[in-house]
């Protein structure tokens, strides 16, 4: 094993999949317990998921409605990861740290606007 090789990357096959699933579950749990924005978005998804089946006209529209919600959660997880890494490096106020956090926050905003647009268009079509 070379000096550049990550010693934690040695798993393969089913063992790798099982451990990766555990790490993913740990990440979801950490985000839910430690990030209020993620918790709010999870509960938005819980409430909105049944509405997607009522509002959507066909499986494509339902998939877009649900996919837009999942996109918000994915982007929020990435935002939380960026914030954690920046905070791990330093709590010192720095222009690059601010830029990284602001850009990640902007990504969350765009995902929320996208979801609102998808849901608004579906609601408009449903009501007209």
N, C-alpha and C. Protein backbone atom coordinates (compact mmCIF):
# COMPACT_ATOMS: atom_id res chain seq x y z
N UNK A 1 0.85 -1.18 0.00
CA UNK A 1 0.00 0.00 0.00
C UNK A 1 0.89 1.24 0.00
N UNK A 2 0.66 2.15 -0.95
CA UNK A 2 1.50 3.35 -1.04
C UNK A 2 1.08 4.38 0.00
N UNK A 3 1.90 5.39 0.16
CA UNK A 3 1.63 6.45 1.13
C UNK A 3 0.40 7.27 0.73
N UNK A 4 0.06 7.24 -0.57
CA UNK A 4 -1.09 8.01 -1.05
C UNK A 4 -2.42 7.27 -0.87
N UNK A 5 -2.37 6.01 -0.52
CA UNK A 5 -3.58 5.19 -0.43
C UNK A 5 -4.24 5.40 0.93
N UNK A 6 -5.53 5.59 0.88
CA UNK A 6 -6.31 5.75 2.10
C UNK A 6 -6.48 4.37 2.75
N UNK A 7 -6.01 4.18 3.98
CA UNK A 7 -6.11 2.87 4.61
C UNK A 7 -7.55 2.45 4.91
N UNK A 8 -8.47 3.40 4.84
CA UNK A 8 -9.88 3.11 5.12
C UNK A 8 -10.64 2.68 3.88
N UNK A 9 -9.97 2.61 2.75
CA UNK A 9 -10.62 2.27 1.47
C UNK A 9 -10.36 0.83 1.05
N UNK A 10 -10.01 -0.06 1.96
CA UNK A 10 -9.63 -1.41 1.60
C UNK A 10 -10.79 -2.39 1.44
N UNK A 11 -12.00 -1.99 1.80
CA UNK A 11 -13.13 -2.91 1.72
C UNK A 11 -13.60 -3.08 0.28
N UNK A 12 -14.10 -4.27 -0.01
CA UNK A 12 -14.63 -4.55 -1.34
C UNK A 12 -15.91 -5.38 -1.21
N UNK A 13 -16.64 -5.46 -2.30
CA UNK A 13 -17.81 -6.32 -2.38
C UNK A 13 -18.90 -5.98 -1.38
N UNK A 14 -19.54 -7.02 -0.86
CA UNK A 14 -20.66 -6.86 0.06
C UNK A 14 -20.23 -6.16 1.35
N UNK A 15 -19.02 -6.45 1.81
CA UNK A 15 -18.50 -5.80 3.02
C UNK A 15 -18.47 -4.28 2.85
N UNK A 16 -18.02 -3.83 1.68
CA UNK A 16 -17.98 -2.39 1.40
C UNK A 16 -19.38 -1.80 1.38
N UNK A 17 -20.32 -2.50 0.75
CA UNK A 17 -21.70 -2.01 0.65
C UNK A 17 -22.33 -1.90 2.04
N UNK A 18 -22.12 -2.91 2.87
CA UNK A 18 -22.68 -2.89 4.23
C UNK A 18 -22.11 -1.74 5.04
N UNK A 19 -20.81 -1.56 4.98
CA UNK A 19 -20.19 -0.46 5.73
C UNK A 19 -20.61 0.91 5.17
N UNK A 20 -20.70 1.02 3.84
CA UNK A 20 -21.13 2.28 3.23
C UNK A 20 -22.55 2.63 3.66
N UNK A 21 -23.42 1.63 3.72
CA UNK A 21 -24.79 1.87 4.18
C UNK A 21 -24.80 2.35 5.62
N UNK A 22 -23.94 1.78 6.44
CA UNK A 22 -23.84 2.21 7.84
C UNK A 22 -23.36 3.65 7.95
N UNK A 23 -22.37 4.01 7.13
CA UNK A 23 -21.88 5.39 7.14
C UNK A 23 -22.96 6.35 6.67
N UNK A 24 -23.70 5.94 5.66
CA UNK A 24 -24.79 6.79 5.15
C UNK A 24 -25.86 6.98 6.22
N UNK A 25 -26.23 5.91 6.89
CA UNK A 25 -27.22 6.01 7.96
C UNK A 25 -26.71 6.93 9.06
N UNK A 26 -25.44 6.81 9.42
CA UNK A 26 -24.84 7.69 10.43
C UNK A 26 -24.91 9.15 10.00
N UNK A 27 -24.66 9.40 8.72
CA UNK A 27 -24.74 10.76 8.20
C UNK A 27 -26.14 11.32 8.26
N UNK A 28 -27.13 10.51 7.87
CA UNK A 28 -28.54 10.96 7.94
C UNK A 28 -28.93 11.25 9.39
N UNK A 29 -28.52 10.36 10.28
CA UNK A 29 -28.83 10.54 11.71
C UNK A 29 -28.18 11.81 12.26
N UNK A 30 -26.90 12.01 11.92
CA UNK A 30 -26.19 13.20 12.39
C UNK A 30 -26.84 14.48 11.85
N UNK A 31 -27.23 14.46 10.59
CA UNK A 31 -27.88 15.64 10.00
C UNK A 31 -29.22 15.90 10.66
N UNK A 32 -29.99 14.84 10.88
CA UNK A 32 -31.31 15.02 11.49
C UNK A 32 -31.19 15.54 12.93
N UNK A 33 -30.27 14.98 13.68
CA UNK A 33 -30.13 15.38 15.08
C UNK A 33 -29.42 16.72 15.25
N UNK A 34 -28.52 17.05 14.32
CA UNK A 34 -27.69 18.22 14.52
C UNK A 34 -28.02 19.43 13.66
N UNK A 35 -28.89 19.27 12.68
CA UNK A 35 -29.18 20.36 11.75
C UNK A 35 -30.68 20.64 11.71
N UNK A 36 -31.10 21.76 12.29
CA UNK A 36 -32.54 22.06 12.34
C UNK A 36 -33.13 22.26 10.95
N UNK A 37 -32.37 22.82 10.02
CA UNK A 37 -32.89 23.01 8.66
C UNK A 37 -33.18 21.66 8.01
N UNK A 38 -32.29 20.69 8.21
CA UNK A 38 -32.51 19.35 7.64
C UNK A 38 -33.75 18.72 8.27
N UNK A 39 -33.91 18.85 9.59
CA UNK A 39 -35.11 18.31 10.25
C UNK A 39 -36.37 18.92 9.68
N UNK A 40 -36.38 20.24 9.48
CA UNK A 40 -37.56 20.91 8.92
C UNK A 40 -37.86 20.40 7.52
N UNK A 41 -36.82 20.21 6.73
CA UNK A 41 -37.01 19.75 5.36
C UNK A 41 -37.47 18.29 5.32
N UNK A 42 -37.00 17.48 6.25
CA UNK A 42 -37.48 16.09 6.34
C UNK A 42 -38.97 16.09 6.62
N UNK A 43 -39.40 16.91 7.57
CA UNK A 43 -40.83 16.95 7.91
C UNK A 43 -41.66 17.55 6.79
N UNK A 44 -41.10 18.48 6.05
CA UNK A 44 -41.77 18.98 4.85
C UNK A 44 -41.98 17.83 3.87
N UNK A 45 -40.98 17.00 3.71
CA UNK A 45 -41.10 15.84 2.81
C UNK A 45 -42.14 14.85 3.31
N UNK A 46 -42.17 14.61 4.60
CA UNK A 46 -43.15 13.68 5.17
C UNK A 46 -44.57 14.16 4.89
N UNK A 47 -44.79 15.46 5.06
CA UNK A 47 -46.12 16.02 4.82
C UNK A 47 -46.43 16.08 3.33
N UNK A 48 -45.44 16.46 2.53
CA UNK A 48 -45.68 16.69 1.11
C UNK A 48 -45.75 15.41 0.28
N UNK A 49 -45.14 14.34 0.73
CA UNK A 49 -45.13 13.10 -0.06
C UNK A 49 -46.53 12.60 -0.41
N UNK A 50 -47.44 12.48 0.55
CA UNK A 50 -48.79 12.06 0.17
C UNK A 50 -49.47 13.06 -0.77
N UNK A 51 -49.17 14.35 -0.59
CA UNK A 51 -49.75 15.37 -1.47
C UNK A 51 -49.28 15.20 -2.91
N UNK A 52 -48.06 14.71 -3.09
CA UNK A 52 -47.54 14.50 -4.44
C UNK A 52 -48.39 13.49 -5.20
N UNK A 53 -48.87 12.48 -4.50
CA UNK A 53 -49.70 11.47 -5.16
C UNK A 53 -51.10 12.00 -5.47
N UNK A 54 -51.55 12.97 -4.69
CA UNK A 54 -52.85 13.61 -4.96
C UNK A 54 -52.72 14.65 -6.06
N UNK A 55 -51.65 15.42 -5.99
CA UNK A 55 -51.46 16.55 -6.89
C UNK A 55 -50.96 16.13 -8.27
N UNK A 56 -50.09 15.14 -8.30
CA UNK A 56 -49.47 14.75 -9.56
C UNK A 56 -50.42 14.07 -10.52
N UNK A 57 -50.26 14.42 -11.79
CA UNK A 57 -51.03 13.79 -12.85
C UNK A 57 -50.13 12.79 -13.56
N UNK A 58 -50.10 11.58 -13.08
CA UNK A 58 -49.27 10.55 -13.69
C UNK A 58 -47.94 10.40 -12.97
N UNK A 59 -47.26 9.31 -13.32
CA UNK A 59 -46.04 8.97 -12.61
C UNK A 59 -44.90 9.94 -12.89
N UNK A 60 -44.87 10.57 -14.05
CA UNK A 60 -43.79 11.52 -14.35
C UNK A 60 -43.91 12.74 -13.43
N UNK A 61 -45.11 13.27 -13.32
CA UNK A 61 -45.30 14.45 -12.48
C UNK A 61 -45.08 14.12 -11.00
N UNK A 62 -45.56 12.95 -10.57
CA UNK A 62 -45.33 12.53 -9.19
C UNK A 62 -43.83 12.38 -8.93
N UNK A 63 -43.12 11.82 -9.89
CA UNK A 63 -41.66 11.66 -9.75
C UNK A 63 -40.96 13.02 -9.66
N UNK A 64 -41.40 13.97 -10.45
CA UNK A 64 -40.81 15.32 -10.37
C UNK A 64 -41.09 15.97 -9.03
N UNK A 65 -42.31 15.82 -8.54
CA UNK A 65 -42.65 16.39 -7.24
C UNK A 65 -41.80 15.78 -6.14
N UNK A 66 -41.74 14.46 -6.11
CA UNK A 66 -40.94 13.79 -5.08
C UNK A 66 -39.45 14.02 -5.28
N UNK A 67 -39.01 14.02 -6.54
CA UNK A 67 -37.60 14.25 -6.82
C UNK A 67 -37.13 15.63 -6.41
N UNK A 68 -38.01 16.62 -6.55
CA UNK A 68 -37.63 17.97 -6.13
C UNK A 68 -37.45 18.02 -4.61
N UNK A 69 -38.23 17.24 -3.88
CA UNK A 69 -38.07 17.19 -2.43
C UNK A 69 -36.77 16.49 -2.04
N UNK A 70 -36.47 15.39 -2.72
CA UNK A 70 -35.22 14.68 -2.45
C UNK A 70 -34.02 15.57 -2.79
N UNK A 71 -34.13 16.34 -3.85
CA UNK A 71 -33.04 17.25 -4.23
C UNK A 71 -32.76 18.26 -3.12
N UNK A 72 -33.80 18.77 -2.50
CA UNK A 72 -33.62 19.70 -1.39
C UNK A 72 -32.85 19.02 -0.26
N UNK A 73 -33.22 17.79 0.07
CA UNK A 73 -32.53 17.08 1.15
C UNK A 73 -31.06 16.82 0.79
N UNK A 74 -30.80 16.43 -0.44
CA UNK A 74 -29.43 16.16 -0.89
C UNK A 74 -28.58 17.43 -0.79
N UNK A 75 -29.11 18.52 -1.28
CA UNK A 75 -28.35 19.78 -1.25
C UNK A 75 -28.15 20.24 0.19
N UNK A 76 -29.14 20.07 1.04
CA UNK A 76 -28.99 20.43 2.46
C UNK A 76 -27.91 19.58 3.13
N UNK A 77 -27.85 18.29 2.80
CA UNK A 77 -26.79 17.44 3.34
C UNK A 77 -25.41 17.94 2.90
N UNK A 78 -25.28 18.30 1.63
CA UNK A 78 -24.00 18.81 1.13
C UNK A 78 -23.65 20.15 1.80
N UNK A 79 -24.65 21.00 1.99
CA UNK A 79 -24.43 22.27 2.69
C UNK A 79 -23.93 22.01 4.11
N UNK A 80 -24.57 21.08 4.79
CA UNK A 80 -24.15 20.77 6.16
C UNK A 80 -22.73 20.20 6.19
N UNK A 81 -22.38 19.39 5.18
CA UNK A 81 -21.03 18.85 5.12
C UNK A 81 -20.00 19.96 4.90
N UNK A 82 -20.30 20.90 4.01
CA UNK A 82 -19.39 22.02 3.78
C UNK A 82 -19.21 22.82 5.08
N UNK A 83 -20.31 23.10 5.75
CA UNK A 83 -20.23 23.85 7.01
C UNK A 83 -19.39 23.11 8.05
N UNK A 84 -19.57 21.79 8.15
CA UNK A 84 -18.81 21.00 9.11
C UNK A 84 -17.32 21.04 8.80
N UNK A 85 -16.96 20.92 7.54
CA UNK A 85 -15.55 20.93 7.15
C UNK A 85 -14.94 22.30 7.42
N UNK A 86 -15.66 23.35 7.06
CA UNK A 86 -15.14 24.70 7.30
C UNK A 86 -14.95 24.93 8.80
N UNK A 87 -15.93 24.51 9.60
CA UNK A 87 -15.82 24.68 11.05
C UNK A 87 -14.71 23.80 11.64
N UNK A 88 -14.48 22.65 11.04
CA UNK A 88 -13.41 21.76 11.50
C UNK A 88 -12.05 22.40 11.29
N UNK A 89 -11.91 23.10 10.17
CA UNK A 89 -10.64 23.75 9.86
C UNK A 89 -10.39 24.89 10.83
N UNK A 90 -11.42 25.74 11.03
CA UNK A 90 -11.25 26.88 11.93
C UNK A 90 -12.57 27.61 12.13
N UNK A 91 -12.77 28.10 13.34
CA UNK A 91 -13.92 28.97 13.61
C UNK A 91 -13.57 30.44 13.32
N UNK A 92 -12.31 30.68 12.98
CA UNK A 92 -11.86 32.03 12.66
C UNK A 92 -12.64 32.57 11.46
N UNK A 93 -13.04 33.84 11.54
CA UNK A 93 -13.72 34.47 10.42
C UNK A 93 -12.71 34.68 9.29
N UNK A 94 -13.07 34.16 8.13
CA UNK A 94 -12.17 34.25 6.98
C UNK A 94 -13.02 34.38 5.72
N UNK A 95 -12.55 35.18 4.76
CA UNK A 95 -13.31 35.41 3.53
C UNK A 95 -13.60 34.11 2.77
N UNK A 96 -12.64 33.21 2.71
CA UNK A 96 -12.85 31.95 1.99
C UNK A 96 -13.85 31.05 2.71
N UNK A 97 -13.80 31.04 4.03
CA UNK A 97 -14.77 30.26 4.81
C UNK A 97 -16.18 30.80 4.59
N UNK A 98 -16.30 32.12 4.62
CA UNK A 98 -17.60 32.75 4.39
C UNK A 98 -18.10 32.44 2.99
N UNK A 99 -17.20 32.54 2.01
CA UNK A 99 -17.58 32.27 0.63
C UNK A 99 -18.08 30.83 0.48
N UNK A 100 -17.37 29.87 1.06
CA UNK A 100 -17.76 28.47 0.96
C UNK A 100 -19.14 28.25 1.57
N UNK A 101 -19.35 28.80 2.76
CA UNK A 101 -20.65 28.63 3.42
C UNK A 101 -21.76 29.35 2.67
N UNK A 102 -21.49 30.54 2.17
CA UNK A 102 -22.51 31.29 1.42
C UNK A 102 -22.88 30.59 0.12
N UNK A 103 -21.90 30.03 -0.56
CA UNK A 103 -22.18 29.33 -1.82
C UNK A 103 -23.01 28.08 -1.55
N UNK A 104 -22.67 27.35 -0.51
CA UNK A 104 -23.44 26.15 -0.17
C UNK A 104 -24.87 26.54 0.23
N UNK A 105 -25.01 27.63 0.94
CA UNK A 105 -26.34 28.12 1.31
C UNK A 105 -27.13 28.54 0.08
N UNK A 106 -26.46 29.16 -0.88
CA UNK A 106 -27.13 29.56 -2.13
C UNK A 106 -27.62 28.33 -2.88
N UNK A 107 -26.86 27.24 -2.83
CA UNK A 107 -27.29 26.00 -3.47
C UNK A 107 -28.58 25.48 -2.83
N UNK A 108 -28.68 25.58 -1.51
CA UNK A 108 -29.92 25.18 -0.83
C UNK A 108 -31.07 26.06 -1.29
N UNK A 109 -30.83 27.36 -1.36
CA UNK A 109 -31.88 28.28 -1.81
C UNK A 109 -32.36 27.91 -3.21
N UNK A 110 -31.43 27.65 -4.13
CA UNK A 110 -31.82 27.28 -5.49
C UNK A 110 -32.62 25.98 -5.52
N UNK A 111 -32.24 25.02 -4.70
CA UNK A 111 -32.99 23.76 -4.67
C UNK A 111 -34.40 23.99 -4.12
N UNK A 112 -34.53 24.86 -3.15
CA UNK A 112 -35.87 25.19 -2.60
C UNK A 112 -36.71 25.93 -3.64
N UNK A 113 -36.09 26.86 -4.37
CA UNK A 113 -36.83 27.57 -5.42
C UNK A 113 -37.25 26.62 -6.53
N UNK A 114 -36.37 25.69 -6.89
CA UNK A 114 -36.72 24.69 -7.90
C UNK A 114 -37.91 23.86 -7.43
N UNK A 115 -37.86 23.38 -6.19
CA UNK A 115 -38.96 22.58 -5.65
C UNK A 115 -40.25 23.39 -5.62
N UNK A 116 -40.15 24.65 -5.21
CA UNK A 116 -41.35 25.50 -5.18
C UNK A 116 -41.91 25.68 -6.59
N UNK A 117 -41.04 25.84 -7.57
CA UNK A 117 -41.49 25.98 -8.95
C UNK A 117 -42.19 24.72 -9.46
N UNK A 118 -41.61 23.56 -9.17
CA UNK A 118 -42.22 22.29 -9.60
C UNK A 118 -43.58 22.12 -8.93
N UNK A 119 -43.62 22.36 -7.63
CA UNK A 119 -44.88 22.20 -6.89
C UNK A 119 -45.90 23.25 -7.31
N UNK A 120 -45.45 24.47 -7.56
CA UNK A 120 -46.36 25.53 -8.02
C UNK A 120 -46.95 25.21 -9.38
N UNK A 121 -46.12 24.72 -10.29
CA UNK A 121 -46.61 24.36 -11.62
C UNK A 121 -47.60 23.21 -11.56
N UNK A 122 -47.32 22.22 -10.74
CA UNK A 122 -48.24 21.09 -10.59
C UNK A 122 -49.55 21.52 -9.95
N UNK A 123 -49.47 22.40 -8.97
CA UNK A 123 -50.70 22.90 -8.32
C UNK A 123 -51.52 23.72 -9.31
N UNK A 124 -50.84 24.54 -10.10
CA UNK A 124 -51.53 25.35 -11.10
C UNK A 124 -52.25 24.44 -12.10
N UNK A 125 -51.57 23.44 -12.58
CA UNK A 125 -52.17 22.51 -13.55
C UNK A 125 -53.32 21.74 -12.91
N UNK A 126 -53.17 21.37 -11.66
CA UNK A 126 -54.20 20.61 -10.95
C UNK A 126 -55.47 21.44 -10.74
N UNK A 127 -55.28 22.72 -10.48
CA UNK A 127 -56.42 23.59 -10.16
C UNK A 127 -57.09 24.21 -11.38
N UNK A 128 -56.44 24.12 -12.55
CA UNK A 128 -57.05 24.71 -13.76
C UNK A 128 -57.61 23.66 -14.68
